[in-house]
Amino acid sequence: MNIALIAHDNKKKLMENLCIAYRHILSKHNLYATETTGRLIQEATDLHVHNFLAGHLGGVEQLGSQIAYNKVDLVIFLRDALYNWSNSSDDNLIFKLADTHNIPIASNLATAEALILALERGDLDWREIVRSESSE
């Protein structure tokens, strides 16, 4: 499975800890992240992460493109609930694309853990069928 990992600045440490805790599951999948988040995850876990540009430099749009082409199976976007939402068009793009293409998305630790555990159980295996059909 292809997993996109994004975290606001105040949530990057939480993302690191999440990836440390679930390293045994995440190591079986392809991980994609914006630059800083990906680098921090790699340093903390030694997992391989494909890094796009930093979020504010176009990385969110790069991940959005992958979502739009159905190349992402799961998105974990740890958002800061106190973030200034008036400038969050990039964030809204990710959620809009995930909703449009029926891609599971987590915006907080509780849903991230639930989706990672569902991934381990095989509950998201249907995404492989969807992804293969969209590439035909």
N, C-alpha and C. Protein backbone atom coordinates (compact mmCIF):
# COMPACT_ATOMS: atom_id res chain seq x y z
N MET A 1 0.83 -1.18 0.00
CA MET A 1 0.00 0.00 0.00
C MET A 1 0.88 1.25 0.00
N ASN A 2 0.38 2.30 -0.57
CA ASN A 2 1.06 3.59 -0.62
C ASN A 2 0.42 4.52 0.40
N ILE A 3 1.22 4.98 1.34
CA ILE A 3 0.73 5.79 2.45
C ILE A 3 1.35 7.18 2.39
N ALA A 4 0.52 8.21 2.39
CA ALA A 4 0.98 9.60 2.43
C ALA A 4 0.97 10.08 3.87
N LEU A 5 2.06 10.73 4.27
CA LEU A 5 2.22 11.23 5.64
C LEU A 5 2.48 12.73 5.60
N ILE A 6 1.61 13.48 6.25
CA ILE A 6 1.73 14.94 6.30
C ILE A 6 1.47 15.36 7.73
N ALA A 7 2.19 16.37 8.21
CA ALA A 7 1.96 16.85 9.58
C ALA A 7 2.26 18.34 9.66
N HIS A 8 1.35 19.07 10.28
CA HIS A 8 1.63 20.48 10.58
C HIS A 8 2.81 20.54 11.53
N ASP A 9 3.46 21.68 11.60
CA ASP A 9 4.66 21.83 12.42
C ASP A 9 4.47 21.36 13.86
N ASN A 10 3.36 21.73 14.47
CA ASN A 10 3.11 21.36 15.87
C ASN A 10 2.75 19.89 16.04
N LYS A 11 2.62 19.15 14.95
CA LYS A 11 2.26 17.73 15.00
C LYS A 11 3.36 16.81 14.48
N LYS A 12 4.49 17.38 14.11
CA LYS A 12 5.57 16.56 13.53
C LYS A 12 6.12 15.56 14.55
N LYS A 13 6.29 15.95 15.80
CA LYS A 13 6.78 15.04 16.83
C LYS A 13 5.77 13.91 17.05
N LEU A 14 4.49 14.23 17.02
CA LEU A 14 3.45 13.22 17.15
C LEU A 14 3.52 12.23 15.98
N MET A 15 3.77 12.73 14.77
CA MET A 15 3.91 11.86 13.60
C MET A 15 5.12 10.94 13.78
N GLU A 16 6.23 11.49 14.26
CA GLU A 16 7.41 10.66 14.51
C GLU A 16 7.06 9.53 15.48
N ASN A 17 6.41 9.88 16.58
CA ASN A 17 6.05 8.89 17.60
C ASN A 17 5.09 7.84 17.05
N LEU A 18 4.14 8.26 16.23
CA LEU A 18 3.21 7.33 15.60
C LEU A 18 3.98 6.33 14.73
N CYS A 19 4.92 6.84 13.95
CA CYS A 19 5.69 5.97 13.06
C CYS A 19 6.63 5.06 13.84
N ILE A 20 7.14 5.52 14.96
CA ILE A 20 7.96 4.66 15.82
C ILE A 20 7.09 3.53 16.37
N ALA A 21 5.94 3.87 16.87
CA ALA A 21 5.04 2.87 17.48
C ALA A 21 4.57 1.83 16.47
N TYR A 22 4.34 2.23 15.24
CA TYR A 22 3.79 1.32 14.24
C TYR A 22 4.80 1.01 13.13
N ARG A 23 6.06 1.14 13.44
CA ARG A 23 7.12 0.88 12.48
C ARG A 23 6.99 -0.52 11.86
N HIS A 24 6.64 -1.49 12.69
CA HIS A 24 6.53 -2.87 12.20
C HIS A 24 5.45 -3.03 11.13
N ILE A 25 4.45 -2.20 11.15
CA ILE A 25 3.40 -2.23 10.12
C ILE A 25 3.81 -1.37 8.93
N LEU A 26 4.25 -0.15 9.21
CA LEU A 26 4.59 0.80 8.15
C LEU A 26 5.75 0.31 7.29
N SER A 27 6.65 -0.47 7.86
CA SER A 27 7.81 -0.95 7.11
C SER A 27 7.42 -1.87 5.94
N LYS A 28 6.21 -2.37 5.93
CA LYS A 28 5.74 -3.26 4.87
C LYS A 28 5.10 -2.50 3.71
N HIS A 29 5.09 -1.17 3.80
CA HIS A 29 4.37 -0.35 2.82
C HIS A 29 5.27 0.74 2.26
N ASN A 30 4.80 1.39 1.21
CA ASN A 30 5.52 2.51 0.60
C ASN A 30 5.06 3.80 1.26
N LEU A 31 6.01 4.55 1.79
CA LEU A 31 5.69 5.78 2.51
C LEU A 31 6.10 6.99 1.68
N TYR A 32 5.23 7.98 1.66
CA TYR A 32 5.45 9.24 0.95
C TYR A 32 5.15 10.37 1.92
N ALA A 33 5.97 11.42 1.88
CA ALA A 33 5.76 12.52 2.81
C ALA A 33 6.28 13.83 2.23
N THR A 34 5.81 14.91 2.82
CA THR A 34 6.42 16.18 2.51
C THR A 34 7.82 16.17 3.14
N GLU A 35 8.70 17.03 2.66
CA GLU A 35 10.13 16.94 2.94
C GLU A 35 10.51 16.87 4.42
N THR A 36 10.10 17.85 5.20
CA THR A 36 10.51 17.89 6.60
C THR A 36 9.92 16.73 7.37
N THR A 37 8.65 16.45 7.16
CA THR A 37 8.00 15.33 7.85
C THR A 37 8.69 14.03 7.49
N GLY A 38 8.97 13.82 6.23
CA GLY A 38 9.63 12.60 5.79
C GLY A 38 11.02 12.44 6.38
N ARG A 39 11.78 13.53 6.39
CA ARG A 39 13.14 13.47 6.94
C ARG A 39 13.10 13.13 8.43
N LEU A 40 12.19 13.74 9.17
CA LEU A 40 12.07 13.46 10.60
C LEU A 40 11.67 12.00 10.85
N ILE A 41 10.76 11.48 10.04
CA ILE A 41 10.34 10.09 10.19
C ILE A 41 11.52 9.16 9.90
N GLN A 42 12.25 9.43 8.84
CA GLN A 42 13.41 8.60 8.50
C GLN A 42 14.44 8.60 9.62
N GLU A 43 14.73 9.78 10.16
CA GLU A 43 15.72 9.88 11.23
C GLU A 43 15.28 9.14 12.49
N ALA A 44 13.98 9.21 12.80
CA ALA A 44 13.47 8.61 14.03
C ALA A 44 13.25 7.11 13.92
N THR A 45 12.98 6.61 12.71
CA THR A 45 12.56 5.21 12.56
C THR A 45 13.45 4.37 11.67
N ASP A 46 14.25 5.02 10.85
CA ASP A 46 15.06 4.33 9.83
C ASP A 46 14.18 3.70 8.75
N LEU A 47 12.93 4.13 8.64
CA LEU A 47 12.05 3.69 7.56
C LEU A 47 12.44 4.45 6.29
N HIS A 48 12.24 3.81 5.14
CA HIS A 48 12.45 4.51 3.87
C HIS A 48 11.19 5.33 3.56
N VAL A 49 11.38 6.61 3.31
CA VAL A 49 10.27 7.51 2.97
C VAL A 49 10.64 8.26 1.69
N HIS A 50 9.75 8.21 0.71
CA HIS A 50 9.94 9.03 -0.49
C HIS A 50 9.50 10.44 -0.13
N ASN A 51 10.43 11.38 -0.20
CA ASN A 51 10.13 12.76 0.19
C ASN A 51 9.81 13.63 -1.02
N PHE A 52 8.70 14.33 -0.94
CA PHE A 52 8.37 15.36 -1.92
C PHE A 52 8.93 16.68 -1.40
N LEU A 53 8.64 17.75 -2.05
CA LEU A 53 9.07 19.08 -1.58
C LEU A 53 8.45 19.37 -0.21
N ALA A 54 8.99 20.39 0.45
CA ALA A 54 8.36 20.85 1.69
C ALA A 54 6.93 21.27 1.38
N GLY A 55 6.05 21.12 2.35
CA GLY A 55 4.63 21.41 2.12
C GLY A 55 4.37 22.78 1.54
N HIS A 56 5.00 23.80 2.10
CA HIS A 56 4.76 25.17 1.65
C HIS A 56 5.43 25.49 0.31
N LEU A 57 6.28 24.58 -0.17
CA LEU A 57 6.97 24.77 -1.45
C LEU A 57 6.38 23.92 -2.57
N GLY A 58 5.25 23.29 -2.31
CA GLY A 58 4.58 22.50 -3.34
C GLY A 58 4.45 21.03 -3.02
N GLY A 59 4.99 20.59 -1.89
CA GLY A 59 4.90 19.18 -1.53
C GLY A 59 3.49 18.69 -1.32
N VAL A 60 2.64 19.55 -0.77
CA VAL A 60 1.24 19.17 -0.57
C VAL A 60 0.58 18.96 -1.93
N GLU A 61 0.90 19.83 -2.87
CA GLU A 61 0.34 19.68 -4.22
C GLU A 61 0.87 18.42 -4.89
N GLN A 62 2.14 18.10 -4.68
CA GLN A 62 2.69 16.86 -5.24
C GLN A 62 1.97 15.64 -4.69
N LEU A 63 1.74 15.62 -3.39
CA LEU A 63 0.98 14.52 -2.80
C LEU A 63 -0.45 14.53 -3.32
N GLY A 64 -1.02 15.73 -3.46
CA GLY A 64 -2.37 15.84 -4.01
C GLY A 64 -2.47 15.24 -5.40
N SER A 65 -1.45 15.43 -6.20
CA SER A 65 -1.42 14.85 -7.54
C SER A 65 -1.44 13.33 -7.47
N GLN A 66 -0.68 12.76 -6.54
CA GLN A 66 -0.66 11.31 -6.38
C GLN A 66 -2.04 10.80 -5.96
N ILE A 67 -2.70 11.55 -5.10
CA ILE A 67 -4.06 11.19 -4.67
C ILE A 67 -5.02 11.26 -5.86
N ALA A 68 -4.92 12.34 -6.63
CA ALA A 68 -5.82 12.54 -7.77
C ALA A 68 -5.68 11.42 -8.79
N TYR A 69 -4.47 10.86 -8.94
CA TYR A 69 -4.24 9.76 -9.88
C TYR A 69 -4.39 8.40 -9.22
N ASN A 70 -4.99 8.39 -8.02
CA ASN A 70 -5.30 7.15 -7.30
C ASN A 70 -4.05 6.32 -7.01
N LYS A 71 -2.92 6.98 -6.76
CA LYS A 71 -1.67 6.29 -6.47
C LYS A 71 -1.39 6.23 -4.98
N VAL A 72 -2.30 6.76 -4.17
CA VAL A 72 -2.18 6.73 -2.71
C VAL A 72 -3.36 5.95 -2.17
N ASP A 73 -3.10 5.07 -1.20
CA ASP A 73 -4.15 4.23 -0.64
C ASP A 73 -4.63 4.70 0.72
N LEU A 74 -3.83 5.50 1.39
CA LEU A 74 -4.15 5.94 2.74
C LEU A 74 -3.41 7.24 3.00
N VAL A 75 -4.09 8.20 3.61
CA VAL A 75 -3.47 9.48 3.95
C VAL A 75 -3.56 9.67 5.46
N ILE A 76 -2.42 9.99 6.06
CA ILE A 76 -2.40 10.40 7.46
C ILE A 76 -1.91 11.84 7.46
N PHE A 77 -2.80 12.74 7.83
CA PHE A 77 -2.51 14.18 7.82
C PHE A 77 -2.80 14.69 9.22
N LEU A 78 -1.78 14.71 10.07
CA LEU A 78 -1.96 15.18 11.44
C LEU A 78 -1.99 16.70 11.43
N ARG A 79 -3.18 17.23 11.67
CA ARG A 79 -3.40 18.67 11.59
C ARG A 79 -3.43 19.30 12.97
N ASP A 80 -2.96 20.51 13.04
CA ASP A 80 -3.04 21.30 14.26
C ASP A 80 -4.41 21.96 14.30
N ALA A 81 -5.24 21.54 15.24
CA ALA A 81 -6.61 22.07 15.32
C ALA A 81 -6.64 23.57 15.59
N LEU A 82 -5.56 24.12 16.11
CA LEU A 82 -5.50 25.55 16.41
C LEU A 82 -4.84 26.36 15.29
N TYR A 83 -4.55 25.69 14.18
CA TYR A 83 -3.92 26.31 13.02
C TYR A 83 -4.85 27.36 12.43
N ASN A 84 -4.29 28.40 11.82
CA ASN A 84 -5.09 29.44 11.17
C ASN A 84 -5.69 28.87 9.89
N TRP A 85 -6.95 28.49 9.96
CA TRP A 85 -7.61 27.82 8.85
C TRP A 85 -7.92 28.73 7.67
N SER A 86 -7.75 30.03 7.83
CA SER A 86 -8.05 30.93 6.70
C SER A 86 -7.03 30.76 5.58
N ASN A 87 -5.85 30.23 5.87
CA ASN A 87 -4.82 30.02 4.85
C ASN A 87 -4.60 28.54 4.57
N SER A 88 -5.64 27.75 4.63
CA SER A 88 -5.46 26.31 4.56
C SER A 88 -5.97 25.69 3.27
N SER A 89 -5.86 26.40 2.16
CA SER A 89 -6.37 25.85 0.91
C SER A 89 -5.62 24.58 0.51
N ASP A 90 -4.32 24.50 0.82
CA ASP A 90 -3.56 23.28 0.53
C ASP A 90 -4.11 22.10 1.33
N ASP A 91 -4.40 22.36 2.60
CA ASP A 91 -4.95 21.31 3.46
C ASP A 91 -6.30 20.86 2.94
N ASN A 92 -7.15 21.81 2.59
CA ASN A 92 -8.48 21.47 2.09
C ASN A 92 -8.38 20.67 0.78
N LEU A 93 -7.38 20.96 -0.04
CA LEU A 93 -7.18 20.23 -1.28
C LEU A 93 -6.98 18.75 -1.00
N ILE A 94 -6.15 18.42 -0.03
CA ILE A 94 -5.89 17.02 0.30
C ILE A 94 -7.18 16.32 0.72
N PHE A 95 -7.96 16.96 1.58
CA PHE A 95 -9.20 16.34 2.04
C PHE A 95 -10.22 16.23 0.91
N LYS A 96 -10.30 17.24 0.06
CA LYS A 96 -11.22 17.19 -1.08
C LYS A 96 -10.86 16.05 -2.02
N LEU A 97 -9.58 15.92 -2.33
CA LEU A 97 -9.14 14.85 -3.23
C LEU A 97 -9.36 13.47 -2.62
N ALA A 98 -9.05 13.33 -1.34
CA ALA A 98 -9.26 12.03 -0.67
C ALA A 98 -10.74 11.67 -0.67
N ASP A 99 -11.59 12.64 -0.41
CA ASP A 99 -13.03 12.38 -0.42
C ASP A 99 -13.52 12.05 -1.84
N THR A 100 -13.03 12.78 -2.82
CA THR A 100 -13.44 12.57 -4.20
C THR A 100 -13.05 11.18 -4.70
N HIS A 101 -11.87 10.71 -4.30
CA HIS A 101 -11.36 9.44 -4.80
C HIS A 101 -11.51 8.30 -3.80
N ASN A 102 -12.29 8.54 -2.76
CA ASN A 102 -12.62 7.50 -1.77
C ASN A 102 -11.37 6.87 -1.15
N ILE A 103 -10.45 7.74 -0.72
CA ILE A 103 -9.20 7.30 -0.10
C ILE A 103 -9.31 7.57 1.40
N PRO A 104 -9.12 6.54 2.23
CA PRO A 104 -9.18 6.74 3.68
C PRO A 104 -8.18 7.80 4.14
N ILE A 105 -8.63 8.69 5.03
CA ILE A 105 -7.78 9.77 5.51
C ILE A 105 -7.97 9.95 7.01
N ALA A 106 -6.87 10.13 7.71
CA ALA A 106 -6.90 10.37 9.15
C ALA A 106 -6.35 11.77 9.41
N SER A 107 -7.03 12.51 10.28
CA SER A 107 -6.58 13.87 10.58
C SER A 107 -6.11 14.02 12.03
N ASN A 108 -6.18 12.95 12.79
CA ASN A 108 -5.72 13.01 14.18
C ASN A 108 -5.17 11.65 14.59
N LEU A 109 -4.58 11.59 15.77
CA LEU A 109 -3.92 10.37 16.22
C LEU A 109 -4.88 9.19 16.32
N ALA A 110 -6.07 9.43 16.84
CA ALA A 110 -7.03 8.33 17.03
C ALA A 110 -7.40 7.67 15.70
N THR A 111 -7.72 8.47 14.69
CA THR A 111 -8.08 7.87 13.40
C THR A 111 -6.86 7.30 12.69
N ALA A 112 -5.70 7.90 12.90
CA ALA A 112 -4.48 7.36 12.30
C ALA A 112 -4.20 5.96 12.83
N GLU A 113 -4.30 5.80 14.14
CA GLU A 113 -4.07 4.47 14.72
C GLU A 113 -5.11 3.47 14.25
N ALA A 114 -6.36 3.88 14.17
CA ALA A 114 -7.42 2.99 13.70
C ALA A 114 -7.15 2.53 12.27
N LEU A 115 -6.73 3.45 11.39
CA LEU A 115 -6.47 3.08 10.00
C LEU A 115 -5.22 2.22 9.86
N ILE A 116 -4.20 2.48 10.65
CA ILE A 116 -2.99 1.65 10.59
C ILE A 116 -3.31 0.23 11.04
N LEU A 117 -4.09 0.09 12.08
CA LEU A 117 -4.48 -1.24 12.54
C LEU A 117 -5.38 -1.94 11.53
N ALA A 118 -6.25 -1.18 10.87
CA ALA A 118 -7.09 -1.74 9.80
C ALA A 118 -6.21 -2.21 8.64
N LEU A 119 -5.18 -1.44 8.35
CA LEU A 119 -4.23 -1.81 7.31
C LEU A 119 -3.56 -3.14 7.64
N GLU A 120 -3.15 -3.31 8.89
CA GLU A 120 -2.49 -4.54 9.31
C GLU A 120 -3.44 -5.75 9.20
N ARG A 121 -4.71 -5.54 9.50
CA ARG A 121 -5.70 -6.64 9.44
C ARG A 121 -6.09 -6.99 8.01
N GLY A 122 -5.77 -6.12 7.07
CA GLY A 122 -6.16 -6.36 5.68
C GLY A 122 -7.47 -5.70 5.30
N ASP A 123 -7.99 -4.86 6.19
CA ASP A 123 -9.28 -4.21 5.92
C ASP A 123 -9.21 -3.22 4.76
N LEU A 124 -8.02 -2.80 4.37
CA LEU A 124 -7.89 -1.84 3.28
C LEU A 124 -7.38 -2.47 1.99
N ASP A 125 -7.36 -3.78 1.93
CA ASP A 125 -6.88 -4.48 0.74
C ASP A 125 -7.70 -4.14 -0.51
N TRP A 126 -8.93 -3.71 -0.33
CA TRP A 126 -9.77 -3.32 -1.46
C TRP A 126 -9.13 -2.19 -2.26
N ARG A 127 -8.25 -1.39 -1.63
CA ARG A 127 -7.59 -0.29 -2.32
C ARG A 127 -6.69 -0.81 -3.45
N GLU A 128 -6.11 -1.99 -3.29
CA GLU A 128 -5.26 -2.55 -4.34
C GLU A 128 -6.08 -2.81 -5.60
N ILE A 129 -7.31 -3.25 -5.43
CA ILE A 129 -8.20 -3.49 -6.57
C ILE A 129 -8.54 -2.16 -7.24
N VAL A 130 -8.90 -1.17 -6.44
CA VAL A 130 -9.25 0.15 -6.98
C VAL A 130 -8.07 0.75 -7.73
N ARG A 131 -6.88 0.66 -7.13
CA ARG A 131 -5.68 1.23 -7.75
C ARG A 131 -5.36 0.52 -9.07
N SER A 132 -5.49 -0.79 -9.11
CA SER A 132 -5.17 -1.53 -10.34
C SER A 132 -6.19 -1.23 -11.42
N GLU A 133 -7.45 -1.06 -11.05
CA GLU A 133 -8.48 -0.74 -12.05
C GLU A 133 -8.30 0.67 -12.62
N SER A 134 -7.82 1.60 -11.80
CA SER A 134 -7.64 2.97 -12.27
C SER A 134 -6.42 3.11 -13.18
N SER A 135 -5.50 2.15 -13.12
CA SER A 135 -4.31 2.23 -13.97
C SER A 135 -4.52 1.57 -15.32
N GLU A 136 -5.64 0.93 -15.52
CA GLU A 136 -5.92 0.27 -16.80
C GLU A 136 -6.37 1.25 -17.85
